């Protein structure tokens, strides 16, 4: 496995996660990482085909979007 993360999947998952957070307030925030992980796996399968390695890359890419969101949120709030 050469690729650890696919930036395009991370960006797509970031946008979808932010949209879910702001447009669907009835969905609890604890489910957004799960949504991003599933979306990341689905996008990776669509882009690269079906394999275990591709599933792992999609999973990591989807979860990375959650980490990016948290990092940006923490920096914008001044570390609060």
PDB file of N, CA and C in Angstrom:
ATOM      1  N   UNK A   1       0.855  -1.178   0.000  1.00  0.00           N
ATOM      2  CA  UNK A   1       0.000   0.000   0.000  1.00  0.00           C
ATOM      3  C   UNK A   1       0.892   1.230   0.000  1.00  0.00           C
ATOM      4  N   UNK A   2       0.837   2.006  -1.034  1.00  0.00           N
ATOM      5  CA  UNK A   2       1.662   3.195  -1.153  1.00  0.00           C
ATOM      6  C   UNK A   2       0.970   4.435  -0.606  1.00  0.00           C
ATOM      7  N   UNK A   3      -0.287   4.579  -0.868  1.00  0.00           N
ATOM      8  CA  UNK A   3      -1.029   5.765  -0.473  1.00  0.00           C
ATOM      9  C   UNK A   3      -1.597   5.578   0.930  1.00  0.00           C
ATOM     10  N   UNK A   4      -1.373   6.562   1.778  1.00  0.00           N
ATOM     11  CA  UNK A   4      -1.904   6.502   3.136  1.00  0.00           C
ATOM     12  C   UNK A   4      -3.186   7.312   3.247  1.00  0.00           C
ATOM     13  N   UNK A   5      -3.245   8.405   2.505  1.00  0.00           N
ATOM     14  CA  UNK A   5      -4.410   9.279   2.545  1.00  0.00           C
ATOM     15  C   UNK A   5      -4.636   9.866   1.153  1.00  0.00           C
ATOM     16  N   UNK A   6      -5.887  10.049   0.799  1.00  0.00           N
ATOM     17  CA  UNK A   6      -6.234  10.664  -0.480  1.00  0.00           C
ATOM     18  C   UNK A   6      -6.822  12.043  -0.170  1.00  0.00           C
ATOM     19  N   UNK A   7      -6.075  13.111  -0.469  1.00  0.00           N
ATOM     20  CA  UNK A   7      -6.533  14.453  -0.099  1.00  0.00           C
ATOM     21  C   UNK A   7      -7.907  14.820  -0.636  1.00  0.00           C
ATOM     22  N   UNK A   8      -8.238  14.393  -1.845  1.00  0.00           N
ATOM     23  CA  UNK A   8      -9.548  14.756  -2.395  1.00  0.00           C
ATOM     24  C   UNK A   8     -10.682  14.144  -1.568  1.00  0.00           C
ATOM     25  N   UNK A   9     -10.488  12.928  -1.074  1.00  0.00           N
ATOM     26  CA  UNK A   9     -11.506  12.299  -0.222  1.00  0.00           C
ATOM     27  C   UNK A   9     -11.606  13.046   1.102  1.00  0.00           C
ATOM     28  N   UNK A  10     -10.468  13.451   1.642  1.00  0.00           N
ATOM     29  CA  UNK A  10     -10.474  14.193   2.901  1.00  0.00           C
ATOM     30  C   UNK A  10     -11.238  15.505   2.749  1.00  0.00           C
ATOM     31  N   UNK A  11     -11.026  16.206   1.653  1.00  0.00           N
ATOM     32  CA  UNK A  11     -11.721  17.477   1.423  1.00  0.00           C
ATOM     33  C   UNK A  11     -13.225  17.251   1.261  1.00  0.00           C
ATOM     34  N   UNK A  12     -13.593  16.255   0.483  1.00  0.00           N
ATOM     35  CA  UNK A  12     -15.022  15.966   0.279  1.00  0.00           C
ATOM     36  C   UNK A  12     -15.682  15.603   1.612  1.00  0.00           C
ATOM     37  N   UNK A  13     -15.037  14.756   2.396  1.00  0.00           N
ATOM     38  CA  UNK A  13     -15.591  14.367   3.698  1.00  0.00           C
ATOM     39  C   UNK A  13     -15.666  15.556   4.650  1.00  0.00           C
ATOM     40  N   UNK A  14     -14.673  16.441   4.586  1.00  0.00           N
ATOM     41  CA  UNK A  14     -14.685  17.652   5.414  1.00  0.00           C
ATOM     42  C   UNK A  14     -15.921  18.493   5.097  1.00  0.00           C
ATOM     43  N   UNK A  15     -16.162  18.715   3.820  1.00  0.00           N
ATOM     44  CA  UNK A  15     -17.307  19.535   3.400  1.00  0.00           C
ATOM     45  C   UNK A  15     -18.620  18.863   3.802  1.00  0.00           C
ATOM     46  N   UNK A  16     -18.728  17.565   3.561  1.00  0.00           N
ATOM     47  CA  UNK A  16     -19.958  16.849   3.926  1.00  0.00           C
ATOM     48  C   UNK A  16     -20.171  16.878   5.440  1.00  0.00           C
ATOM     49  N   UNK A  17     -19.108  16.663   6.210  1.00  0.00           N
ATOM     50  CA  UNK A  17     -19.224  16.705   7.668  1.00  0.00           C
ATOM     51  C   UNK A  17     -19.662  18.066   8.170  1.00  0.00           C
ATOM     52  N   UNK A  18     -19.096  19.134   7.591  1.00  0.00           N
ATOM     53  CA  UNK A  18     -19.488  20.492   7.981  1.00  0.00           C
ATOM     54  C   UNK A  18     -20.946  20.765   7.607  1.00  0.00           C
ATOM     55  N   UNK A  19     -21.355  20.278   6.442  1.00  0.00           N
ATOM     56  CA  UNK A  19     -22.748  20.463   6.025  1.00  0.00           C
ATOM     57  C   UNK A  19     -23.705  19.720   6.953  1.00  0.00           C
ATOM     58  N   UNK A  20     -23.354  18.489   7.316  1.00  0.00           N
ATOM     59  CA  UNK A  20     -24.204  17.724   8.230  1.00  0.00           C
ATOM     60  C   UNK A  20     -24.307  18.456   9.566  1.00  0.00           C
ATOM     61  N   UNK A  21     -23.175  18.958  10.060  1.00  0.00           N
ATOM     62  CA  UNK A  21     -23.159  19.649  11.352  1.00  0.00           C
ATOM     63  C   UNK A  21     -24.058  20.885  11.340  1.00  0.00           C
ATOM     64  N   UNK A  22     -24.002  21.655  10.269  1.00  0.00           N
ATOM     65  CA  UNK A  22     -24.722  22.928  10.239  1.00  0.00           C
ATOM     66  C   UNK A  22     -26.131  22.845   9.653  1.00  0.00           C
ATOM     67  N   UNK A  23     -26.376  21.871   8.776  1.00  0.00           N
ATOM     68  CA  UNK A  23     -27.688  21.793   8.139  1.00  0.00           C
ATOM     69  C   UNK A  23     -28.621  20.764   8.775  1.00  0.00           C
ATOM     70  N   UNK A  24     -28.068  19.847   9.546  1.00  0.00           N
ATOM     71  CA  UNK A  24     -28.874  18.788  10.178  1.00  0.00           C
ATOM     72  C   UNK A  24     -28.628  18.786  11.680  1.00  0.00           C
ATOM     73  N   UNK A  25     -29.148  19.770  12.389  1.00  0.00           N
ATOM     74  CA  UNK A  25     -28.863  19.852  13.830  1.00  0.00           C
ATOM     75  C   UNK A  25     -29.422  18.687  14.644  1.00  0.00           C
ATOM     76  N   UNK A  26     -30.361  17.928  14.075  1.00  0.00           N
ATOM     77  CA  UNK A  26     -30.909  16.785  14.813  1.00  0.00           C
ATOM     78  C   UNK A  26     -29.938  15.614  14.871  1.00  0.00           C
ATOM     79  N   UNK A  27     -28.943  15.596  13.967  1.00  0.00           N
ATOM     80  CA  UNK A  27     -27.927  14.535  13.987  1.00  0.00           C
ATOM     81  C   UNK A  27     -26.867  14.916  14.998  1.00  0.00           C
ATOM     82  N   UNK A  28     -26.663  14.043  15.974  1.00  0.00           N
ATOM     83  CA  UNK A  28     -25.690  14.299  17.024  1.00  0.00           C
ATOM     84  C   UNK A  28     -24.278  14.356  16.439  1.00  0.00           C
ATOM     85  N   UNK A  29     -23.445  15.260  16.958  1.00  0.00           N
ATOM     86  CA  UNK A  29     -22.083  15.441  16.458  1.00  0.00           C
ATOM     87  C   UNK A  29     -21.234  14.182  16.570  1.00  0.00           C
ATOM     88  N   UNK A  30     -21.564  13.297  17.498  1.00  0.00           N
ATOM     89  CA  UNK A  30     -20.753  12.091  17.670  1.00  0.00           C
ATOM     90  C   UNK A  30     -20.863  11.141  16.477  1.00  0.00           C
ATOM     91  N   UNK A  31     -21.869  11.335  15.623  1.00  0.00           N
ATOM     92  CA  UNK A  31     -22.040  10.478  14.448  1.00  0.00           C
ATOM     93  C   UNK A  31     -21.313  10.992  13.208  1.00  0.00           C
ATOM     94  N   UNK A  32     -20.845  12.224  13.231  1.00  0.00           N
ATOM     95  CA  UNK A  32     -20.177  12.792  12.059  1.00  0.00           C
ATOM     96  C   UNK A  32     -18.897  12.037  11.703  1.00  0.00           C
ATOM     97  N   UNK A  33     -18.020  11.664  12.653  1.00  0.00           N
ATOM     98  CA  UNK A  33     -16.853  10.860  12.252  1.00  0.00           C
ATOM     99  C   UNK A  33     -17.224   9.524  11.607  1.00  0.00           C
ATOM    100  N   UNK A  34     -18.312   8.918  12.058  1.00  0.00           N
ATOM    101  CA  UNK A  34     -18.763   7.651  11.466  1.00  0.00           C
ATOM    102  C   UNK A  34     -19.253   7.893  10.040  1.00  0.00           C
ATOM    103  N   UNK A  35     -20.009   8.973   9.846  1.00  0.00           N
ATOM    104  CA  UNK A  35     -20.485   9.330   8.507  1.00  0.00           C
ATOM    105  C   UNK A  35     -19.293   9.573   7.584  1.00  0.00           C
ATOM    106  N   UNK A  36     -18.294  10.321   8.080  1.00  0.00           N
ATOM    107  CA  UNK A  36     -17.123  10.610   7.264  1.00  0.00           C
ATOM    108  C   UNK A  36     -16.326   9.346   6.945  1.00  0.00           C
ATOM    109  N   UNK A  37     -16.220   8.435   7.888  1.00  0.00           N
ATOM    110  CA  UNK A  37     -15.489   7.188   7.651  1.00  0.00           C
ATOM    111  C   UNK A  37     -16.180   6.346   6.576  1.00  0.00           C
ATOM    112  N   UNK A  38     -17.490   6.218   6.678  1.00  0.00           N
ATOM    113  CA  UNK A  38     -18.244   5.435   5.691  1.00  0.00           C
ATOM    114  C   UNK A  38     -18.173   6.102   4.316  1.00  0.00           C
ATOM    115  N   UNK A  39     -18.319   7.418   4.285  1.00  0.00           N
ATOM    116  CA  UNK A  39     -18.216   8.147   3.023  1.00  0.00           C
ATOM    117  C   UNK A  39     -16.812   8.002   2.436  1.00  0.00           C
ATOM    118  N   UNK A  40     -15.792   8.079   3.275  1.00  0.00           N
ATOM    119  CA  UNK A  40     -14.420   7.922   2.804  1.00  0.00           C
ATOM    120  C   UNK A  40     -14.172   6.559   2.186  1.00  0.00           C
ATOM    121  N   UNK A  41     -14.679   5.519   2.815  1.00  0.00           N
ATOM    122  CA  UNK A  41     -14.535   4.160   2.274  1.00  0.00           C
ATOM    123  C   UNK A  41     -15.270   4.053   0.937  1.00  0.00           C
ATOM    124  N   UNK A  42     -16.496   4.572   0.885  1.00  0.00           N
ATOM    125  CA  UNK A  42     -17.282   4.499  -0.356  1.00  0.00           C
ATOM    126  C   UNK A  42     -16.591   5.248  -1.499  1.00  0.00           C
ATOM    127  N   UNK A  43     -16.067   6.437  -1.208  1.00  0.00           N
ATOM    128  CA  UNK A  43     -15.376   7.205  -2.244  1.00  0.00           C
ATOM    129  C   UNK A  43     -14.096   6.506  -2.695  1.00  0.00           C
ATOM    130  N   UNK A  44     -13.370   5.917  -1.764  1.00  0.00           N
ATOM    131  CA  UNK A  44     -12.141   5.203  -2.124  1.00  0.00           C
ATOM    132  C   UNK A  44     -12.458   4.000  -2.999  1.00  0.00           C
ATOM    133  N   UNK A  45     -13.503   3.252  -2.663  1.00  0.00           N
ATOM    134  CA  UNK A  45     -13.912   2.126  -3.512  1.00  0.00           C
ATOM    135  C   UNK A  45     -14.274   2.605  -4.910  1.00  0.00           C
ATOM    136  N   UNK A  46     -14.996   3.718  -4.980  1.00  0.00           N
ATOM    137  CA  UNK A  46     -15.407   4.266  -6.258  1.00  0.00           C
ATOM    138  C   UNK A  46     -14.200   4.723  -7.087  1.00  0.00           C
ATOM    139  N   UNK A  47     -13.189   5.315  -6.409  1.00  0.00           N
ATOM    140  CA  UNK A  47     -12.035   5.846  -7.120  1.00  0.00           C
ATOM    141  C   UNK A  47     -10.994   4.779  -7.460  1.00  0.00           C
ATOM    142  N   UNK A  48     -10.795   3.813  -6.555  1.00  0.00           N
ATOM    143  CA  UNK A  48      -9.661   2.895  -6.687  1.00  0.00           C
ATOM    144  C   UNK A  48     -10.045   1.434  -6.859  1.00  0.00           C
ATOM    145  N   UNK A  49     -11.311   1.079  -6.684  1.00  0.00           N
ATOM    146  CA  UNK A  49     -11.708  -0.320  -6.770  1.00  0.00           C
ATOM    147  C   UNK A  49     -11.795  -0.950  -5.385  1.00  0.00           C
ATOM    148  N   UNK A  50     -12.223  -2.205  -5.352  1.00  0.00           N
ATOM    149  CA  UNK A  50     -12.480  -2.878  -4.089  1.00  0.00           C
ATOM    150  C   UNK A  50     -11.257  -3.672  -3.638  1.00  0.00           C
ATOM    151  N   UNK A  51     -10.759  -3.334  -2.458  1.00  0.00           N
ATOM    152  CA  UNK A  51      -9.724  -4.135  -1.786  1.00  0.00           C
ATOM    153  C   UNK A  51      -9.644  -3.668  -0.342  1.00  0.00           C
ATOM    154  N   UNK A  52      -9.005  -4.487   0.468  1.00  0.00           N
ATOM    155  CA  UNK A  52      -8.868  -4.149   1.883  1.00  0.00           C
ATOM    156  C   UNK A  52      -8.014  -2.900   2.051  1.00  0.00           C
ATOM    157  N   UNK A  53      -6.922  -2.805   1.287  1.00  0.00           N
ATOM    158  CA  UNK A  53      -6.045  -1.635   1.370  1.00  0.00           C
ATOM    159  C   UNK A  53      -6.782  -0.349   1.003  1.00  0.00           C
ATOM    160  N   UNK A  54      -7.595  -0.425  -0.014  1.00  0.00           N
ATOM    161  CA  UNK A  54      -8.373   0.743  -0.437  1.00  0.00           C
ATOM    162  C   UNK A  54      -9.364   1.137   0.658  1.00  0.00           C
ATOM    163  N   UNK A  55      -9.963   0.160   1.308  1.00  0.00           N
ATOM    164  CA  UNK A  55     -10.888   0.450   2.406  1.00  0.00           C
ATOM    165  C   UNK A  55     -10.169   1.168   3.546  1.00  0.00           C
ATOM    166  N   UNK A  56      -8.962   0.736   3.868  1.00  0.00           N
ATOM    167  CA  UNK A  56      -8.201   1.395   4.930  1.00  0.00           C
ATOM    168  C   UNK A  56      -7.820   2.824   4.562  1.00  0.00           C
ATOM    169  N   UNK A  57      -7.421   3.028   3.318  1.00  0.00           N
ATOM    170  CA  UNK A  57      -7.084   4.379   2.859  1.00  0.00           C
ATOM    171  C   UNK A  57      -8.320   5.272   2.921  1.00  0.00           C
ATOM    172  N   UNK A  58      -9.467   4.774   2.516  1.00  0.00           N
ATOM    173  CA  UNK A  58     -10.704   5.541   2.589  1.00  0.00           C
ATOM    174  C   UNK A  58     -11.097   5.864   4.021  1.00  0.00           C
ATOM    175  N   UNK A  59     -10.932   4.878   4.898  1.00  0.00           N
ATOM    176  CA  UNK A  59     -11.236   5.081   6.317  1.00  0.00           C
ATOM    177  C   UNK A  59     -10.359   6.174   6.916  1.00  0.00           C
ATOM    178  N   UNK A  60      -9.065   6.093   6.680  1.00  0.00           N
ATOM    179  CA  UNK A  60      -8.130   7.095   7.208  1.00  0.00           C
ATOM    180  C   UNK A  60      -8.407   8.463   6.597  1.00  0.00           C
ATOM    181  N   UNK A  61      -8.697   8.507   5.323  1.00  0.00           N
ATOM    182  CA  UNK A  61      -8.992   9.781   4.659  1.00  0.00           C
ATOM    183  C   UNK A  61     -10.258  10.417   5.226  1.00  0.00           C
ATOM    184  N   UNK A  62     -11.283   9.609   5.470  1.00  0.00           N
ATOM    185  CA  UNK A  62     -12.518  10.131   6.053  1.00  0.00           C
ATOM    186  C   UNK A  62     -12.327  10.630   7.468  1.00  0.00           C
ATOM    187  N   UNK A  63     -11.604   9.864   8.277  1.00  0.00           N
ATOM    188  CA  UNK A  63     -11.349  10.288   9.655  1.00  0.00           C
ATOM    189  C   UNK A  63     -10.423  11.496   9.719  1.00  0.00           C
ATOM    190  N   UNK A  64      -9.516  11.625   8.766  1.00  0.00           N
ATOM    191  CA  UNK A  64      -8.622  12.786   8.739  1.00  0.00           C
ATOM    192  C   UNK A  64      -9.410  14.075   8.584  1.00  0.00           C
ATOM    193  N   UNK A  65     -10.528  14.017   7.875  1.00  0.00           N
ATOM    194  CA  UNK A  65     -11.345  15.217   7.713  1.00  0.00           C
ATOM    195  C   UNK A  65     -11.906  15.690   9.049  1.00  0.00           C
ATOM    196  N   UNK A  66     -12.231  14.755   9.926  1.00  0.00           N
ATOM    197  CA  UNK A  66     -12.718  15.124  11.263  1.00  0.00           C
ATOM    198  C   UNK A  66     -11.611  15.808  12.054  1.00  0.00           C
ATOM    199  N   UNK A  67     -10.404  15.277  11.956  1.00  0.00           N
ATOM    200  CA  UNK A  67      -9.263  15.898  12.629  1.00  0.00           C
ATOM    201  C   UNK A  67      -8.966  17.278  12.093  1.00  0.00           C
ATOM    202  N   UNK A  68      -9.081  17.454  10.784  1.00  0.00           N
ATOM    203  CA  UNK A  68      -8.870  18.770  10.177  1.00  0.00           C
ATOM    204  C   UNK A  68      -9.910  19.766  10.672  1.00  0.00           C
ATOM    205  N   UNK A  69     -11.156  19.324  10.754  1.00  0.00           N
ATOM    206  CA  UNK A  69     -12.216  20.213  11.231  1.00  0.00           C
ATOM    207  C   UNK A  69     -11.930  20.664  12.669  1.00  0.00           C
ATOM    208  N   UNK A  70     -11.556  19.715  13.507  1.00  0.00           N
ATOM    209  CA  UNK A  70     -11.269  20.046  14.907  1.00  0.00           C
ATOM    210  C   UNK A  70     -10.065  20.978  15.024  1.00  0.00           C
ATOM    211  N   UNK A  71      -9.033  20.746  14.231  1.00  0.00           N
ATOM    212  CA  UNK A  71      -7.847  21.602  14.275  1.00  0.00           C
ATOM    213  C   UNK A  71      -8.179  23.027  13.854  1.00  0.00           C
ATOM    214  N   UNK A  72      -8.934  23.162  12.775  1.00  0.00           N
ATOM    215  CA  UNK A  72      -9.314  24.492  12.309  1.00  0.00           C
ATOM    216  C   UNK A  72     -10.215  25.178  13.328  1.00  0.00           C
ATOM    217  N   UNK A  73     -11.136  24.426  13.901  1.00  0.00           N
ATOM    218  CA  UNK A  73     -12.029  25.011  14.922  1.00  0.00           C
ATOM    219  C   UNK A  73     -11.247  25.482  16.138  1.00  0.00           C
ATOM    220  N   UNK A  74     -10.280  24.666  16.595  1.00  0.00           N
ATOM    221  CA  UNK A  74      -9.489  25.038  17.765  1.00  0.00           C
ATOM    222  C   UNK A  74      -8.602  26.254  17.493  1.00  0.00           C
ATOM    223  N   UNK A  75      -8.031  26.312  16.294  1.00  0.00           N
ATOM    224  CA  UNK A  75      -7.199  27.480  15.953  1.00  0.00           C
ATOM    225  C   UNK A  75      -8.021  28.745  15.826  1.00  0.00           C
ATOM    226  N   UNK A  76      -9.226  28.637  15.302  1.00  0.00           N
ATOM    227  CA  UNK A  76     -10.061  29.819  15.134  1.00  0.00           C
ATOM    228  C   UNK A  76     -10.618  30.319  16.457  1.00  0.00           C
ATOM    229  N   UNK A  77     -10.704  29.440  17.451  1.00  0.00           N
ATOM    230  CA  UNK A  77     -11.203  29.825  18.767  1.00  0.00           C
ATOM    231  C   UNK A  77     -10.064  30.202  19.711  1.00  0.00           C
ATOM    232  N   UNK A  78      -8.855  30.212  19.225  1.00  0.00           N
ATOM    233  CA  UNK A  78      -7.721  30.604  20.058  1.00  0.00           C
ATOM    234  C   UNK A  78      -7.331  29.546  21.079  1.00  0.00           C
ATOM    235  N   UNK A  79      -7.541  28.273  20.764  1.00  0.00           N
ATOM    236  CA  UNK A  79      -7.125  27.202  21.668  1.00  0.00           C
ATOM    237  C   UNK A  79      -8.094  26.902  22.788  1.00  0.00           C
ATOM    238  N   UNK A  80      -9.319  27.372  22.696  1.00  0.00           N
ATOM    239  CA  UNK A  80     -10.308  27.123  23.758  1.00  0.00           C
ATOM    240  C   UNK A  80     -10.824  25.716  23.686  1.00  0.00           C
TER     241      UNK A  80
END
